[in-house]
Protein backbone atom coordinates (compact mmCIF):
# COMPACT_ATOMS: atom_id res chain seq x y z
CA MET A 1 -18.47 -3.06 -13.41
CA THR A 2 -15.17 -1.24 -14.17
CA HIS A 3 -12.98 -0.80 -11.18
CA ARG A 4 -11.16 2.33 -11.54
CA PHE A 5 -8.21 3.27 -8.80
CA ALA A 6 -6.00 6.15 -8.33
CA VAL A 7 -3.03 4.71 -6.19
CA ILE A 8 -1.21 7.50 -4.46
CA ASP A 9 2.19 7.82 -2.36
CA VAL A 10 3.75 10.86 -1.01
CA GLU A 11 7.43 11.36 0.53
CA THR A 12 7.38 13.65 3.31
CA THR A 13 9.84 15.93 5.68
CA GLY A 14 8.51 13.71 8.45
CA LEU A 15 5.87 11.90 10.02
CA ASN A 16 3.62 14.51 11.51
CA PRO A 17 1.12 16.31 9.06
CA ALA A 18 0.68 19.22 11.44
CA VAL A 19 4.32 20.28 10.96
CA ASP A 20 5.84 18.28 8.24
CA ARG A 21 5.51 18.68 4.52
CA VAL A 22 5.05 16.77 1.53
CA VAL A 23 8.33 16.80 -0.80
CA GLU A 24 7.07 14.27 -3.61
CA ILE A 25 3.83 12.84 -4.64
CA ALA A 26 2.86 10.36 -7.31
CA CYS A 27 -0.17 8.60 -8.42
CA VAL A 28 -0.81 5.51 -10.72
CA ALA A 29 -4.09 5.24 -12.44
CA ILE A 30 -5.86 1.73 -12.81
CA ASP A 31 -8.66 0.84 -14.85
CA ASP A 32 -9.98 -2.80 -14.21
CA ASP A 33 -6.75 -4.86 -14.66
CA ARG A 34 -4.30 -2.26 -16.28
CA ILE A 35 -2.23 0.76 -15.54
CA VAL A 36 -3.60 3.47 -17.72
CA ASP A 37 -1.58 6.63 -16.59
CA ARG A 38 1.19 7.79 -14.13
CA TRP A 39 2.03 10.77 -12.69
CA GLN A 40 4.90 12.14 -10.55
CA SER A 41 6.02 15.69 -8.97
CA PHE A 42 8.49 16.96 -6.53
CA ILE A 43 6.65 19.47 -4.18
CA ASP A 44 8.54 22.60 -2.72
CA PRO A 45 7.81 22.15 0.86
CA LYS A 46 9.02 25.78 1.57
CA VAL A 47 11.16 24.49 4.65
CA PRO A 48 14.49 22.68 4.50
CA ILE A 49 14.36 18.80 4.12
CA PRO A 50 15.66 17.36 7.26
CA ALA A 51 18.68 14.97 6.85
CA ARG A 52 16.98 11.90 8.61
CA ALA A 53 14.09 12.58 5.86
CA THR A 54 16.74 12.65 3.11
CA ALA A 55 18.30 9.76 4.41
CA ILE A 56 15.09 7.72 3.83
CA HIS A 57 13.85 8.81 0.49
CA GLY A 58 17.04 10.60 -1.07
CA ILE A 59 15.14 13.89 -1.79
CA THR A 60 17.15 17.01 -1.26
CA ASP A 61 16.51 20.76 -1.10
CA ASP A 62 17.95 20.97 -4.71
CA ASP A 63 15.66 18.49 -6.00
CA VAL A 64 12.51 20.45 -5.08
CA ALA A 65 13.82 23.83 -5.74
CA GLY A 66 11.51 25.42 -8.28
CA ALA A 67 8.99 22.50 -7.95
CA PRO A 68 5.27 23.45 -7.62
CA THR A 69 3.90 23.80 -4.08
CA LEU A 70 1.38 21.11 -2.83
CA PRO A 71 -1.78 23.11 -3.82
CA ASP A 72 -0.36 23.63 -7.25
CA ALA A 73 0.60 19.97 -7.67
CA LEU A 74 -2.88 18.91 -6.44
CA ARG A 75 -4.55 20.79 -9.02
CA GLN A 76 -2.42 19.08 -11.42
CA LEU A 77 -3.31 15.69 -9.84
CA HIS A 78 -7.07 16.18 -9.50
CA PRO A 79 -7.99 15.24 -13.26
CA LEU A 80 -6.25 11.91 -12.77
CA VAL A 81 -8.08 11.08 -9.30
CA ARG A 82 -11.32 12.28 -10.41
CA GLY A 83 -14.12 9.62 -10.58
CA ARG A 84 -11.67 7.00 -8.96
CA THR A 85 -11.32 5.15 -5.72
CA LEU A 86 -8.08 6.47 -4.00
CA ALA A 87 -5.63 3.59 -2.91
CA ALA A 88 -2.67 3.97 -1.03
CA HIS A 89 -0.40 1.56 1.12
CA ASN A 90 -0.98 2.60 4.94
CA ALA A 91 -3.45 4.96 3.51
CA GLY A 92 -4.07 6.98 6.83
CA PHE A 93 -0.32 8.36 6.40
CA ASP A 94 -0.87 9.60 2.85
CA LEU A 95 -4.48 10.94 3.19
CA ARG A 96 -3.39 12.80 6.20
CA PHE A 97 -0.92 14.59 4.19
CA LEU A 98 -3.39 14.92 1.23
CA ALA A 99 -6.69 16.25 3.23
CA ALA A 100 -7.19 18.58 0.50
CA LEU A 101 -8.13 15.79 -1.94
CA ARG A 102 -11.18 15.00 0.27
CA PRO A 103 -11.60 11.63 -1.41
CA THR A 104 -15.14 10.28 -1.52
CA HIS A 105 -13.86 6.67 -1.47
CA ALA A 106 -10.36 5.50 -0.15
CA ILE A 107 -8.99 2.14 0.32
CA CYS A 108 -5.86 1.04 2.08
CA THR A 109 -4.07 -1.95 0.28
CA MET A 110 -2.11 -2.95 3.82
CA ARG A 111 -5.83 -3.53 5.10
CA LEU A 112 -6.75 -5.34 1.83
CA ALA A 113 -3.87 -7.48 1.88
CA ARG A 114 -4.40 -8.38 5.54
CA HIS A 115 -7.88 -9.33 4.47
CA LEU A 116 -6.98 -11.52 1.39
CA VAL A 117 -3.50 -13.07 2.08
CA PRO A 118 -3.44 -13.26 5.96
CA GLN A 119 -0.58 -15.63 5.66
CA ALA A 120 1.84 -13.10 4.12
CA PRO A 121 5.02 -12.81 6.30
CA ASN A 122 4.14 -9.37 7.00
CA PHE A 123 2.17 -6.50 5.29
CA LYS A 124 4.87 -3.97 4.34
CA ASN A 125 4.83 -2.76 0.65
CA GLN A 126 8.02 -4.28 -0.28
CA THR A 127 7.42 -7.66 1.59
CA LEU A 128 4.08 -7.84 -0.57
CA ARG A 129 6.02 -6.91 -3.66
CA ALA A 130 8.24 -10.14 -3.24
CA TYR A 131 5.22 -12.35 -1.77
CA LEU A 132 2.84 -11.76 -4.48
CA ASP A 133 5.71 -11.92 -7.08
CA VAL A 134 5.06 -8.55 -8.73
CA ASP A 135 8.60 -7.49 -9.18
CA ARG A 136 8.62 -8.47 -13.15
CA PHE A 137 6.08 -5.54 -13.21
CA VAL A 138 7.95 -3.10 -11.33
CA ASP A 139 11.68 -3.90 -12.41
CA GLY A 140 13.55 -0.70 -11.14
CA ALA A 141 10.79 0.94 -8.95
CA ILE A 142 12.60 2.49 -6.11
CA ALA A 143 11.53 1.90 -2.56
CA HIS A 144 10.79 5.21 -0.60
CA ARG A 145 10.31 7.18 -3.79
CA ALA A 146 6.67 8.26 -4.55
CA LEU A 147 6.39 6.74 -8.07
CA GLY A 148 8.26 3.67 -7.34
CA ASP A 149 6.13 2.86 -4.09
CA ALA A 150 2.84 3.91 -6.10
CA LEU A 151 3.90 1.48 -8.64
CA VAL A 152 4.43 -1.34 -6.38
CA THR A 153 1.28 -0.66 -4.43
CA ALA A 154 -0.75 -0.70 -7.79
CA HIS A 155 0.76 -3.95 -8.74
CA VAL A 156 0.02 -5.43 -5.16
CA LEU A 157 -3.49 -4.11 -5.77
CA LEU A 158 -3.72 -5.73 -9.09
CA ALA A 159 -2.15 -9.09 -7.97
CA LEU A 160 -4.67 -9.09 -5.01
CA ARG A 161 -7.58 -8.77 -7.39
CA ARG A 162 -6.46 -11.55 -9.73
CA ARG A 163 -6.01 -13.85 -6.76
CA THR A 164 -9.73 -13.03 -5.72
CA LEU A 165 -11.70 -15.23 -7.91
CA HIS A 166 -15.25 -14.32 -6.75
CA ALA A 167 -16.54 -10.85 -7.22
CA ALA A 168 -18.59 -10.97 -3.65
CA THR A 169 -15.25 -11.65 -2.19
CA TRP A 170 -13.58 -8.77 -3.82
CA ARG A 171 -16.33 -6.37 -2.80
CA ASP A 172 -16.15 -7.59 0.90
CA ALA A 173 -12.39 -7.10 0.71
CA LEU A 174 -12.77 -3.76 -0.64
CA GLU A 175 -15.22 -2.79 2.05
CA ALA A 176 -12.73 -4.24 4.69
CA ALA A 177 -10.04 -2.02 3.21
CA ARG A 178 -12.11 1.12 3.28
CA VAL A 179 -10.61 4.34 4.94
CA ALA A 180 -13.08 6.61 6.38
């Protein structure tokens, strides 16, 4: 059975999807045990990016000037996610901002890690990056940028899969990581 994932990440103007907006989105496509594609786009949020958000991700109003709107970017992204299980680290956050994707299947890699490596120091993406020793695969991936975080999450997902020797255990873990 082929496992196909679309690992997504967003950077935003804040934490509340009712008032805040996406400023960057990325996706890393996985087929079984390899990355087969990646995509990234800045998003014009049509509002100024607050300084507190820029301080986290480094994205400025100049970066997003002339970028596609979120609906336009999602149209570009759709072919890459079609037929794949959506995956994200702390998926509830990303999926609240990407409600228009309406995924049939989605998993949270934070939940997956809690299920498969409960002994990890914590379940932050960057901690799992070090704990699962995926740095050699994501050299140069910048934390708090959509593509960098999506690449780290993709390699965390692949590392967790490699550590899971039994198909039944993997299926159980994916079910435990499912996002409603």
